[in-house]
Structure formats: structure tokens, C-alpha cells
Amino acid sequence: MTERKGVVSEPGSLGGTATPLDRRAVGVGAAITLGIAAVPIVLVRIVVGSQAEGNQGSLWVVPVVALFVAFAVGGHTAAKSRPAAPYRHAASSAVIAFAAFLAFTLGRRLLGGAGLSFPLVVTLAILFQVTVSLALVGAYVAWRQSRPKELTQ
């Protein structure tokens, strides 16, 4: 074991005392993310499905913005409930929510016969990075709000 500034750690570990992951906080954050994101996506799919082909591009901006807002709000919620480790809880809730989104998207494409393409995989990889980053922005806001007023000025 090594000792560094009062922190005892096992060899090969990163050291420090890790706050345990609160599964409830992560689950609530992921559920809020999916709840906020699902409604606009479903509504736009219904509206676009009833429109003629080729006249649907600009309507998809709404669920994309809702998806981004949803990940920030979900990350904020998860982080707010665990202020000792806000970023870990926000990132974990984002990963869970994105995994559900990914499973739905891939399942719909594969069952619908659309298949997978390289551009889709790249888009989903970038979307994963962006959504987890937005959850971390939500966690930062929660962290700033939890600090005493005299420290934030």
C-alpha cells in the first residue's frame, strides 16, 4: 500500500476514496432524459409520417434540440442528487439513457431492413460524445448551484 497526503490506496489503484455510485440517482437521471427526449421524437415521427416525402427536414430540428436539452437536464438531476460525485453520476445516467436510445435506434433499423452503415455508426459515436458532454454540463450547473454563495462570487 502507498500513502499520499493521508490517502491510502492499494498498489495499482488510482488512490483516493471513491464515492459509491447511487443507482437510484443514475436511474432517475436516465429516466428523465428519456422522458424529455421521447415525446418530441414520437410527435415528429407522427407528423412526418403523415406528410409527403421530401418536406420533412426542418421539423427534425425539434427532437434533436430536445435530445440535447434532455441529456443536460438528466445529467443535472443525477448530479444534484449526489453532490459528492456529480460528474460520475451525470455521465453514468447519460450512458444508460444513450444505451436505451441506441438499442431502440438499432433495433428499429435492423428490424425495418435499413441495416447499418458506416456514416450511421460515426454519427452515433459523435452523438454519444455530445450527449455525455451535455450531461456533464448539466452536472457542472448542479455543482455550481450546490456551492455556498460566498464561494461562487
N, C-alpha and C. Protein backbone atom coordinates (compact mmCIF):
# COMPACT_ATOMS: atom_id res chain seq x y z
N MET A 1 0.83 -1.18 0.00
CA MET A 1 0.00 0.00 0.00
C MET A 1 0.87 1.25 0.00
N THR A 2 0.39 2.26 -0.66
CA THR A 2 1.11 3.53 -0.68
C THR A 2 0.28 4.57 0.07
N GLU A 3 0.99 5.54 0.61
CA GLU A 3 0.29 6.59 1.35
C GLU A 3 0.71 7.94 0.78
N ARG A 4 -0.28 8.77 0.50
CA ARG A 4 -0.02 10.07 -0.10
C ARG A 4 -1.02 11.07 0.48
N LYS A 5 -0.52 12.02 1.24
CA LYS A 5 -1.34 13.07 1.84
C LYS A 5 -2.56 12.50 2.56
N GLY A 6 -2.35 11.46 3.34
CA GLY A 6 -3.44 10.90 4.13
C GLY A 6 -4.35 9.96 3.36
N VAL A 7 -4.04 9.68 2.10
CA VAL A 7 -4.87 8.79 1.30
C VAL A 7 -4.14 7.46 1.17
N VAL A 8 -4.79 6.41 1.57
CA VAL A 8 -4.20 5.09 1.49
C VAL A 8 -4.84 4.37 0.31
N SER A 9 -3.99 3.76 -0.53
CA SER A 9 -4.52 3.06 -1.68
C SER A 9 -3.74 1.77 -1.91
N GLU A 10 -4.38 0.86 -2.59
CA GLU A 10 -3.75 -0.40 -2.95
C GLU A 10 -2.84 -0.18 -4.15
N PRO A 11 -1.78 -0.99 -4.29
CA PRO A 11 -0.92 -0.87 -5.47
C PRO A 11 -1.73 -1.11 -6.75
N GLY A 12 -1.51 -0.28 -7.72
CA GLY A 12 -2.21 -0.42 -8.99
C GLY A 12 -3.53 0.33 -9.05
N SER A 13 -4.02 0.83 -7.92
CA SER A 13 -5.28 1.57 -7.94
C SER A 13 -4.98 3.05 -8.17
N LEU A 14 -6.00 3.79 -8.44
CA LEU A 14 -5.82 5.22 -8.68
C LEU A 14 -5.73 6.00 -7.39
N GLY A 15 -6.02 5.37 -6.28
CA GLY A 15 -5.93 6.04 -5.00
C GLY A 15 -7.19 6.82 -4.68
N GLY A 16 -7.27 7.28 -3.47
CA GLY A 16 -8.43 8.05 -3.06
C GLY A 16 -9.57 7.16 -2.60
N THR A 17 -10.59 7.81 -2.14
CA THR A 17 -11.78 7.08 -1.72
C THR A 17 -12.89 7.42 -2.69
N ALA A 18 -13.37 6.44 -3.37
CA ALA A 18 -14.41 6.65 -4.37
C ALA A 18 -15.77 6.66 -3.71
N THR A 19 -16.58 7.61 -4.11
CA THR A 19 -17.96 7.64 -3.67
C THR A 19 -18.71 6.57 -4.43
N PRO A 20 -19.45 5.70 -3.72
CA PRO A 20 -20.17 4.66 -4.45
C PRO A 20 -21.22 5.25 -5.39
N LEU A 21 -21.43 4.57 -6.48
CA LEU A 21 -22.40 5.02 -7.47
C LEU A 21 -23.81 4.75 -6.95
N ASP A 22 -24.61 5.77 -6.90
CA ASP A 22 -26.00 5.65 -6.44
C ASP A 22 -26.86 5.26 -7.65
N ARG A 23 -27.25 4.01 -7.69
CA ARG A 23 -28.01 3.51 -8.84
C ARG A 23 -29.34 4.21 -8.99
N ARG A 24 -29.94 4.59 -7.89
CA ARG A 24 -31.23 5.29 -7.96
C ARG A 24 -31.07 6.65 -8.64
N ALA A 25 -30.05 7.39 -8.25
CA ALA A 25 -29.80 8.70 -8.86
C ALA A 25 -29.51 8.57 -10.35
N VAL A 26 -28.72 7.56 -10.70
CA VAL A 26 -28.40 7.32 -12.11
C VAL A 26 -29.67 6.94 -12.88
N GLY A 27 -30.48 6.07 -12.30
CA GLY A 27 -31.72 5.64 -12.94
C GLY A 27 -32.71 6.78 -13.13
N VAL A 28 -32.83 7.63 -12.11
CA VAL A 28 -33.74 8.77 -12.22
C VAL A 28 -33.24 9.73 -13.30
N GLY A 29 -31.95 9.99 -13.33
CA GLY A 29 -31.39 10.87 -14.37
C GLY A 29 -31.62 10.32 -15.76
N ALA A 30 -31.42 9.01 -15.93
CA ALA A 30 -31.64 8.38 -17.24
C ALA A 30 -33.12 8.40 -17.62
N ALA A 31 -33.99 8.15 -16.65
CA ALA A 31 -35.43 8.15 -16.93
C ALA A 31 -35.92 9.55 -17.32
N ILE A 32 -35.41 10.56 -16.65
CA ILE A 32 -35.79 11.94 -17.01
C ILE A 32 -35.27 12.28 -18.40
N THR A 33 -34.06 11.86 -18.70
CA THR A 33 -33.50 12.09 -20.04
C THR A 33 -34.39 11.47 -21.10
N LEU A 34 -34.73 10.21 -20.93
CA LEU A 34 -35.56 9.51 -21.92
C LEU A 34 -36.97 10.08 -21.98
N GLY A 35 -37.50 10.48 -20.84
CA GLY A 35 -38.84 11.06 -20.81
C GLY A 35 -38.93 12.38 -21.56
N ILE A 36 -37.93 13.22 -21.38
CA ILE A 36 -37.93 14.51 -22.08
C ILE A 36 -37.68 14.31 -23.58
N ALA A 37 -36.80 13.40 -23.93
CA ALA A 37 -36.43 13.22 -25.34
C ALA A 37 -37.48 12.46 -26.14
N ALA A 38 -38.20 11.55 -25.51
CA ALA A 38 -39.11 10.67 -26.24
C ALA A 38 -40.32 11.39 -26.82
N VAL A 39 -40.89 12.31 -26.08
CA VAL A 39 -42.13 12.97 -26.52
C VAL A 39 -41.97 13.71 -27.85
N PRO A 40 -40.98 14.60 -28.00
CA PRO A 40 -40.83 15.27 -29.29
C PRO A 40 -40.49 14.32 -30.43
N ILE A 41 -39.71 13.29 -30.15
CA ILE A 41 -39.34 12.34 -31.20
C ILE A 41 -40.58 11.63 -31.71
N VAL A 42 -41.42 11.17 -30.80
CA VAL A 42 -42.65 10.46 -31.19
C VAL A 42 -43.59 11.40 -31.94
N LEU A 43 -43.75 12.62 -31.44
CA LEU A 43 -44.65 13.57 -32.10
C LEU A 43 -44.19 13.91 -33.52
N VAL A 44 -42.90 14.12 -33.70
CA VAL A 44 -42.39 14.45 -35.03
C VAL A 44 -42.51 13.24 -35.95
N ARG A 45 -42.28 12.04 -35.43
CA ARG A 45 -42.46 10.85 -36.27
C ARG A 45 -43.90 10.72 -36.75
N ILE A 46 -44.85 11.06 -35.89
CA ILE A 46 -46.27 11.00 -36.27
C ILE A 46 -46.56 12.05 -37.34
N VAL A 47 -46.10 13.27 -37.14
CA VAL A 47 -46.36 14.35 -38.10
C VAL A 47 -45.65 14.09 -39.42
N VAL A 48 -44.39 13.70 -39.37
CA VAL A 48 -43.61 13.45 -40.58
C VAL A 48 -44.19 12.26 -41.34
N GLY A 49 -44.66 11.27 -40.62
CA GLY A 49 -45.24 10.10 -41.27
C GLY A 49 -46.47 10.44 -42.09
N SER A 50 -47.17 11.53 -41.73
CA SER A 50 -48.37 11.91 -42.46
C SER A 50 -48.09 12.92 -43.57
N GLN A 51 -46.85 13.41 -43.67
CA GLN A 51 -46.51 14.39 -44.72
C GLN A 51 -45.93 13.69 -45.94
N ALA A 52 -45.92 14.42 -47.02
CA ALA A 52 -45.34 13.90 -48.27
C ALA A 52 -43.82 13.83 -48.13
N GLU A 53 -43.20 12.95 -48.86
CA GLU A 53 -41.74 12.80 -48.85
C GLU A 53 -41.06 14.08 -49.30
N GLY A 54 -39.88 14.35 -48.73
CA GLY A 54 -39.08 15.49 -49.15
C GLY A 54 -39.40 16.79 -48.44
N ASN A 55 -40.47 16.83 -47.67
CA ASN A 55 -40.86 18.07 -46.99
C ASN A 55 -40.79 17.88 -45.48
N GLN A 56 -39.75 17.23 -44.99
CA GLN A 56 -39.71 16.89 -43.58
C GLN A 56 -38.44 17.29 -42.86
N GLY A 57 -37.45 17.82 -43.55
CA GLY A 57 -36.14 18.06 -42.98
C GLY A 57 -36.11 19.00 -41.78
N SER A 58 -36.75 20.15 -41.87
CA SER A 58 -36.63 21.15 -40.81
C SER A 58 -37.37 20.77 -39.54
N LEU A 59 -38.33 19.89 -39.64
CA LEU A 59 -39.09 19.50 -38.46
C LEU A 59 -38.25 18.66 -37.49
N TRP A 60 -37.22 17.99 -38.00
CA TRP A 60 -36.38 17.15 -37.15
C TRP A 60 -35.44 17.94 -36.26
N VAL A 61 -35.40 19.26 -36.41
CA VAL A 61 -34.58 20.09 -35.52
C VAL A 61 -35.15 20.04 -34.10
N VAL A 62 -36.45 19.97 -33.98
CA VAL A 62 -37.10 19.98 -32.67
C VAL A 62 -36.67 18.79 -31.80
N PRO A 63 -36.75 17.54 -32.27
CA PRO A 63 -36.32 16.46 -31.40
C PRO A 63 -34.81 16.43 -31.14
N VAL A 64 -34.02 16.95 -32.08
CA VAL A 64 -32.58 17.00 -31.84
C VAL A 64 -32.27 17.96 -30.69
N VAL A 65 -32.90 19.13 -30.72
CA VAL A 65 -32.72 20.09 -29.63
C VAL A 65 -33.26 19.51 -28.32
N ALA A 66 -34.42 18.85 -28.39
CA ALA A 66 -34.99 18.22 -27.20
C ALA A 66 -34.07 17.13 -26.65
N LEU A 67 -33.43 16.39 -27.54
CA LEU A 67 -32.50 15.35 -27.11
C LEU A 67 -31.32 15.96 -26.37
N PHE A 68 -30.78 17.04 -26.89
CA PHE A 68 -29.66 17.71 -26.23
C PHE A 68 -30.07 18.29 -24.87
N VAL A 69 -31.22 18.95 -24.83
CA VAL A 69 -31.72 19.51 -23.56
C VAL A 69 -31.98 18.38 -22.57
N ALA A 70 -32.53 17.28 -23.05
CA ALA A 70 -32.86 16.15 -22.17
C ALA A 70 -31.61 15.61 -21.48
N PHE A 71 -30.52 15.48 -22.21
CA PHE A 71 -29.29 14.95 -21.60
C PHE A 71 -28.72 15.94 -20.58
N ALA A 72 -28.81 17.22 -20.85
CA ALA A 72 -28.33 18.21 -19.87
C ALA A 72 -29.19 18.19 -18.60
N VAL A 73 -30.50 18.11 -18.77
CA VAL A 73 -31.41 18.07 -17.61
C VAL A 73 -31.24 16.76 -16.84
N GLY A 74 -31.12 15.64 -17.54
CA GLY A 74 -30.91 14.36 -16.87
C GLY A 74 -29.60 14.33 -16.11
N GLY A 75 -28.54 14.87 -16.70
CA GLY A 75 -27.26 14.95 -16.01
C GLY A 75 -27.34 15.85 -14.79
N HIS A 76 -28.04 16.94 -14.91
CA HIS A 76 -28.24 17.86 -13.80
C HIS A 76 -28.98 17.16 -12.66
N THR A 77 -30.02 16.42 -12.99
CA THR A 77 -30.82 15.73 -11.98
C THR A 77 -29.99 14.68 -11.25
N ALA A 78 -29.25 13.88 -12.00
CA ALA A 78 -28.41 12.84 -11.37
C ALA A 78 -27.33 13.48 -10.50
N ALA A 79 -26.73 14.54 -10.97
CA ALA A 79 -25.65 15.20 -10.22
C ALA A 79 -26.18 15.89 -8.97
N LYS A 80 -27.36 16.46 -9.08
CA LYS A 80 -27.94 17.20 -7.95
C LYS A 80 -28.25 16.26 -6.78
N SER A 81 -28.62 15.03 -7.09
CA SER A 81 -28.95 14.10 -6.02
C SER A 81 -27.71 13.49 -5.37
N ARG A 82 -26.55 13.61 -6.00
CA ARG A 82 -25.30 13.11 -5.44
C ARG A 82 -24.20 14.16 -5.58
N PRO A 83 -24.24 15.22 -4.77
CA PRO A 83 -23.25 16.30 -4.91
C PRO A 83 -21.81 15.89 -4.60
N ALA A 84 -21.60 14.75 -3.93
CA ALA A 84 -20.23 14.32 -3.64
C ALA A 84 -19.53 13.82 -4.90
N ALA A 85 -20.28 13.33 -5.87
CA ALA A 85 -19.70 12.84 -7.13
C ALA A 85 -20.63 13.19 -8.28
N PRO A 86 -20.79 14.48 -8.57
CA PRO A 86 -21.80 14.88 -9.57
C PRO A 86 -21.47 14.43 -10.99
N TYR A 87 -20.21 14.48 -11.36
CA TYR A 87 -19.85 14.17 -12.75
C TYR A 87 -19.99 12.68 -13.06
N ARG A 88 -19.59 11.84 -12.11
CA ARG A 88 -19.74 10.40 -12.31
C ARG A 88 -21.20 10.00 -12.45
N HIS A 89 -22.06 10.58 -11.63
CA HIS A 89 -23.47 10.23 -11.70
C HIS A 89 -24.13 10.77 -12.97
N ALA A 90 -23.74 11.96 -13.38
CA ALA A 90 -24.30 12.52 -14.62
C ALA A 90 -23.84 11.72 -15.83
N ALA A 91 -22.57 11.40 -15.89
CA ALA A 91 -22.06 10.61 -17.02
C ALA A 91 -22.68 9.22 -17.05
N SER A 92 -22.84 8.61 -15.90
CA SER A 92 -23.45 7.28 -15.84
C SER A 92 -24.90 7.31 -16.30
N SER A 93 -25.64 8.33 -15.88
CA SER A 93 -27.04 8.41 -16.32
C SER A 93 -27.11 8.66 -17.83
N ALA A 94 -26.18 9.42 -18.36
CA ALA A 94 -26.16 9.67 -19.81
C ALA A 94 -25.83 8.40 -20.58
N VAL A 95 -24.90 7.61 -20.07
CA VAL A 95 -24.55 6.36 -20.75
C VAL A 95 -25.74 5.41 -20.75
N ILE A 96 -26.44 5.30 -19.63
CA ILE A 96 -27.61 4.42 -19.56
C ILE A 96 -28.70 4.90 -20.53
N ALA A 97 -28.97 6.19 -20.52
CA ALA A 97 -30.00 6.73 -21.42
C ALA A 97 -29.60 6.55 -22.88
N PHE A 98 -28.33 6.79 -23.19
CA PHE A 98 -27.89 6.63 -24.57
C PHE A 98 -27.93 5.17 -25.00
N ALA A 99 -27.63 4.26 -24.09
CA ALA A 99 -27.71 2.83 -24.41
C ALA A 99 -29.14 2.44 -24.77
N ALA A 100 -30.12 2.99 -24.04
CA ALA A 100 -31.53 2.72 -24.37
C ALA A 100 -31.89 3.32 -25.72
N PHE A 101 -31.44 4.55 -25.96
CA PHE A 101 -31.69 5.21 -27.24
C PHE A 101 -31.03 4.43 -28.38
N LEU A 102 -29.81 3.97 -28.15
CA LEU A 102 -29.08 3.21 -29.16
C LEU A 102 -29.76 1.87 -29.45
N ALA A 103 -30.20 1.18 -28.42
CA ALA A 103 -30.88 -0.10 -28.61
C ALA A 103 -32.16 0.09 -29.42
N PHE A 104 -32.91 1.14 -29.12
CA PHE A 104 -34.13 1.42 -29.87
C PHE A 104 -33.82 1.75 -31.33
N THR A 105 -32.84 2.62 -31.54
CA THR A 105 -32.48 3.04 -32.90
C THR A 105 -31.98 1.87 -33.74
N LEU A 106 -31.06 1.10 -33.18
CA LEU A 106 -30.51 -0.03 -33.93
C LEU A 106 -31.57 -1.11 -34.16
N GLY A 107 -32.38 -1.37 -33.15
CA GLY A 107 -33.44 -2.36 -33.30
C GLY A 107 -34.43 -1.96 -34.38
N ARG A 108 -34.82 -0.69 -34.39
CA ARG A 108 -35.77 -0.19 -35.39
C ARG A 108 -35.17 -0.30 -36.79
N ARG A 109 -33.91 0.04 -36.94
CA ARG A 109 -33.26 -0.02 -38.26
C ARG A 109 -33.08 -1.46 -38.74
N LEU A 110 -32.64 -2.32 -37.83
CA LEU A 110 -32.40 -3.70 -38.23
C LEU A 110 -33.70 -4.45 -38.52
N LEU A 111 -34.71 -4.22 -37.70
CA LEU A 111 -36.00 -4.87 -37.93
C LEU A 111 -36.71 -4.28 -39.14
N GLY A 112 -36.45 -3.02 -39.44
CA GLY A 112 -37.06 -2.37 -40.60
C GLY A 112 -36.33 -2.65 -41.90
N GLY A 113 -35.21 -3.34 -41.83
CA GLY A 113 -34.47 -3.69 -43.03
C GLY A 113 -33.53 -2.62 -43.53
N ALA A 114 -33.35 -1.53 -42.78
CA ALA A 114 -32.48 -0.44 -43.22
C ALA A 114 -31.01 -0.81 -43.06
N GLY A 115 -30.70 -1.64 -42.08
CA GLY A 115 -29.31 -2.05 -41.88
C GLY A 115 -28.45 -0.96 -41.26
N LEU A 116 -27.18 -1.26 -41.13
CA LEU A 116 -26.22 -0.33 -40.55
C LEU A 116 -25.25 0.13 -41.63
N SER A 117 -24.84 1.36 -41.53
CA SER A 117 -23.86 1.89 -42.47
C SER A 117 -22.76 2.59 -41.68
N PHE A 118 -21.64 2.77 -42.30
CA PHE A 118 -20.52 3.45 -41.65
C PHE A 118 -20.89 4.88 -41.22
N PRO A 119 -21.56 5.67 -42.07
CA PRO A 119 -21.95 7.02 -41.63
C PRO A 119 -22.87 7.00 -40.41
N LEU A 120 -23.75 6.02 -40.32
CA LEU A 120 -24.63 5.91 -39.16
C LEU A 120 -23.82 5.63 -37.90
N VAL A 121 -22.87 4.72 -37.99
CA VAL A 121 -22.04 4.38 -36.83
C VAL A 121 -21.23 5.59 -36.38
N VAL A 122 -20.67 6.34 -37.32
CA VAL A 122 -19.91 7.55 -36.98
C VAL A 122 -20.83 8.59 -36.34
N THR A 123 -22.02 8.76 -36.90
CA THR A 123 -22.98 9.71 -36.35
C THR A 123 -23.36 9.34 -34.93
N LEU A 124 -23.62 8.07 -34.68
CA LEU A 124 -23.98 7.63 -33.33
C LEU A 124 -22.83 7.78 -32.36
N ALA A 125 -21.60 7.55 -32.82
CA ALA A 125 -20.43 7.73 -31.95
C ALA A 125 -20.26 9.20 -31.56
N ILE A 126 -20.44 10.08 -32.52
CA ILE A 126 -20.34 11.52 -32.23
C ILE A 126 -21.49 11.96 -31.33
N LEU A 127 -22.67 11.45 -31.61
CA LEU A 127 -23.84 11.78 -30.78
C LEU A 127 -23.64 11.31 -29.35
N PHE A 128 -23.02 10.15 -29.17
CA PHE A 128 -22.71 9.66 -27.83
C PHE A 128 -21.81 10.64 -27.09
N GLN A 129 -20.75 11.08 -27.75
CA GLN A 129 -19.83 12.02 -27.11
C GLN A 129 -20.51 13.33 -26.76
N VAL A 130 -21.33 13.83 -27.67
CA VAL A 130 -22.02 15.10 -27.44
C VAL A 130 -23.01 14.98 -26.29
N THR A 131 -23.78 13.90 -26.26
CA THR A 131 -24.80 13.77 -25.23
C THR A 131 -24.19 13.58 -23.83
N VAL A 132 -23.12 12.80 -23.74
CA VAL A 132 -22.46 12.64 -22.45
C VAL A 132 -21.84 13.97 -22.02
N SER A 133 -21.29 14.70 -22.96
CA SER A 133 -20.73 16.02 -22.64
C SER A 133 -21.82 16.98 -22.15
N LEU A 134 -22.98 16.93 -22.76
CA LEU A 134 -24.08 17.79 -22.31
C LEU A 134 -24.56 17.39 -20.92
N ALA A 135 -24.54 16.10 -20.61
CA ALA A 135 -24.88 15.67 -19.26
C ALA A 135 -23.87 16.21 -18.25
N LEU A 136 -22.61 16.26 -18.67
CA LEU A 136 -21.58 16.82 -17.79
C LEU A 136 -21.75 18.33 -17.61
N VAL A 137 -22.25 19.00 -18.62
CA VAL A 137 -22.57 20.43 -18.47
C VAL A 137 -23.69 20.59 -17.44
N GLY A 138 -24.70 19.72 -17.52
CA GLY A 138 -25.76 19.74 -16.51
C GLY A 138 -25.22 19.47 -15.12
N ALA A 139 -24.25 18.57 -15.01
CA ALA A 139 -23.63 18.27 -13.72
C ALA A 139 -22.86 19.48 -13.20
N TYR A 140 -22.20 20.18 -14.09
CA TYR A 140 -21.46 21.38 -13.68
C TYR A 140 -22.42 22.43 -13.13
N VAL A 141 -23.55 22.61 -13.78
CA VAL A 141 -24.55 23.57 -13.30
C VAL A 141 -25.06 23.15 -11.92
N ALA A 142 -25.33 21.87 -11.74
CA ALA A 142 -25.78 21.38 -10.44
C ALA A 142 -24.71 21.58 -9.37
N TRP A 143 -23.46 21.34 -9.74
CA TRP A 143 -22.37 21.52 -8.80
C TRP A 143 -22.24 22.99 -8.39
N ARG A 144 -22.35 23.88 -9.38
CA ARG A 144 -22.27 25.32 -9.08
C ARG A 144 -23.42 25.77 -8.19
N GLN A 145 -24.60 25.23 -8.43
CA GLN A 145 -25.76 25.60 -7.62
C GLN A 145 -25.66 25.07 -6.20
N SER A 146 -24.93 23.98 -5.98
CA SER A 146 -24.83 23.39 -4.65
C SER A 146 -23.77 24.07 -3.79
N ARG A 147 -22.93 24.89 -4.38
CA ARG A 147 -21.87 25.55 -3.63
C ARG A 147 -22.44 26.72 -2.85
N PRO A 148 -21.86 27.02 -1.69
CA PRO A 148 -22.31 28.20 -0.92
C PRO A 148 -22.12 29.48 -1.74
N LYS A 149 -22.99 30.44 -1.49
CA LYS A 149 -22.97 31.70 -2.27
C LYS A 149 -21.63 32.42 -2.17
N GLU A 150 -20.99 32.44 -1.03
CA GLU A 150 -19.73 33.18 -0.87
C GLU A 150 -18.61 32.58 -1.70
N LEU A 151 -18.71 31.29 -2.07
CA LEU A 151 -17.67 30.68 -2.89
C LEU A 151 -17.87 30.91 -4.38
N THR A 152 -19.08 31.24 -4.78
CA THR A 152 -19.38 31.38 -6.21
C THR A 152 -19.19 32.80 -6.73
N GLN A 153 -18.87 33.73 -5.87
CA GLN A 153 -18.73 35.11 -6.31
C GLN A 153 -17.31 35.45 -6.67
